[in-house]
Amino acid sequence: MVERLRLPFAMLSDPGLRLADVLGLPTFDWQGGRLFKRITLIVRDGVVEHVFYPVFPPDAHAGQVLDWLREH
């Protein structure tokens, strides 16, 4: 996905939701499956530095993340 969309950042894939279980991240059940709720983690050198949750409003979230990154 990162290559296909030419994203300037890494993406994390966790189909078994192990990270959700270990960190207690928010999930929900839908059509017999378990999914992550909308969340953004800022990770630096393997350490979660900041968590955005809940993500609201979703259409303004990218700007919120950029603002946070510029400040930190």
Protein backbone atom coordinates (compact mmCIF):
# COMPACT_ATOMS: atom_id res chain seq x y z
CA MET A 1 0.00 0.00 0.00
CA VAL A 2 2.80 2.43 0.87
CA GLU A 3 4.45 1.92 -2.53
CA ARG A 4 1.19 1.87 -4.50
CA LEU A 5 -0.03 5.12 -2.94
CA ARG A 6 3.49 6.61 -2.69
CA LEU A 7 2.94 7.43 0.96
CA PRO A 8 5.74 9.37 2.67
CA PHE A 9 5.36 7.34 5.87
CA ALA A 10 5.28 3.74 7.01
CA MET A 11 2.06 1.84 7.60
CA LEU A 12 1.47 -0.82 10.21
CA SER A 13 -0.51 -3.97 9.44
CA ASP A 14 -1.91 -6.08 12.26
CA PRO A 15 -4.59 -8.39 10.87
CA GLY A 16 -4.68 -10.41 14.10
CA LEU A 17 -5.12 -7.21 16.18
CA ARG A 18 -2.34 -8.30 18.54
CA LEU A 19 -1.29 -4.69 19.03
CA ALA A 20 -4.84 -3.82 20.04
CA ASP A 21 -4.76 -6.53 22.67
CA VAL A 22 -1.32 -5.63 24.05
CA LEU A 23 -1.88 -1.86 24.13
CA GLY A 24 -5.61 -1.93 24.86
CA LEU A 25 -6.44 -0.06 21.66
CA PRO A 26 -10.09 0.60 20.82
CA THR A 27 -11.84 -1.91 18.56
CA PHE A 28 -15.36 -2.76 17.52
CA ASP A 29 -17.16 -5.82 16.17
CA TRP A 30 -18.70 -5.71 12.72
CA GLN A 31 -20.18 -8.51 10.62
CA GLY A 32 -18.49 -11.19 12.68
CA GLY A 33 -15.08 -9.55 12.65
CA ARG A 34 -13.14 -7.27 14.94
CA LEU A 35 -11.77 -3.99 13.59
CA PHE A 36 -9.72 -1.10 14.92
CA LYS A 37 -11.59 2.09 15.69
CA ARG A 38 -10.20 5.12 13.95
CA ILE A 39 -6.95 5.99 15.74
CA THR A 40 -3.62 7.58 14.87
CA LEU A 41 -0.41 6.64 16.63
CA ILE A 42 2.75 8.69 16.31
CA VAL A 43 5.64 6.26 16.73
CA ARG A 44 9.28 7.30 16.90
CA ASP A 45 12.08 4.76 17.21
CA GLY A 46 9.59 2.05 18.19
CA VAL A 47 7.99 4.08 20.99
CA VAL A 48 4.42 5.39 20.86
CA GLU A 49 4.93 9.12 21.32
CA HIS A 50 1.36 10.35 20.91
CA VAL A 51 -2.13 8.92 20.40
CA PHE A 52 -4.99 10.67 18.64
CA TYR A 53 -8.28 9.16 19.78
CA PRO A 54 -11.02 9.70 19.10
CA VAL A 55 -10.34 10.90 15.58
CA PHE A 56 -12.92 13.63 15.12
CA PRO A 57 -13.83 15.22 12.90
CA PRO A 58 -12.29 12.79 10.43
CA ASP A 59 -12.13 15.33 7.61
CA ALA A 60 -9.93 17.64 9.70
CA HIS A 61 -7.76 14.98 11.31
CA ALA A 62 -4.86 15.12 8.85
CA GLY A 63 -4.48 18.81 9.65
CA GLN A 64 -4.55 18.08 13.39
CA VAL A 65 -1.77 15.54 12.98
CA LEU A 66 0.32 17.91 10.86
CA ASP A 67 -0.11 20.67 13.45
CA TRP A 68 1.03 18.32 16.21
CA LEU A 69 4.05 17.17 14.19
CA ARG A 70 5.10 20.76 13.49
CA GLU A 71 4.87 21.63 17.20
CA HIS A 72 6.83 18.58 18.32
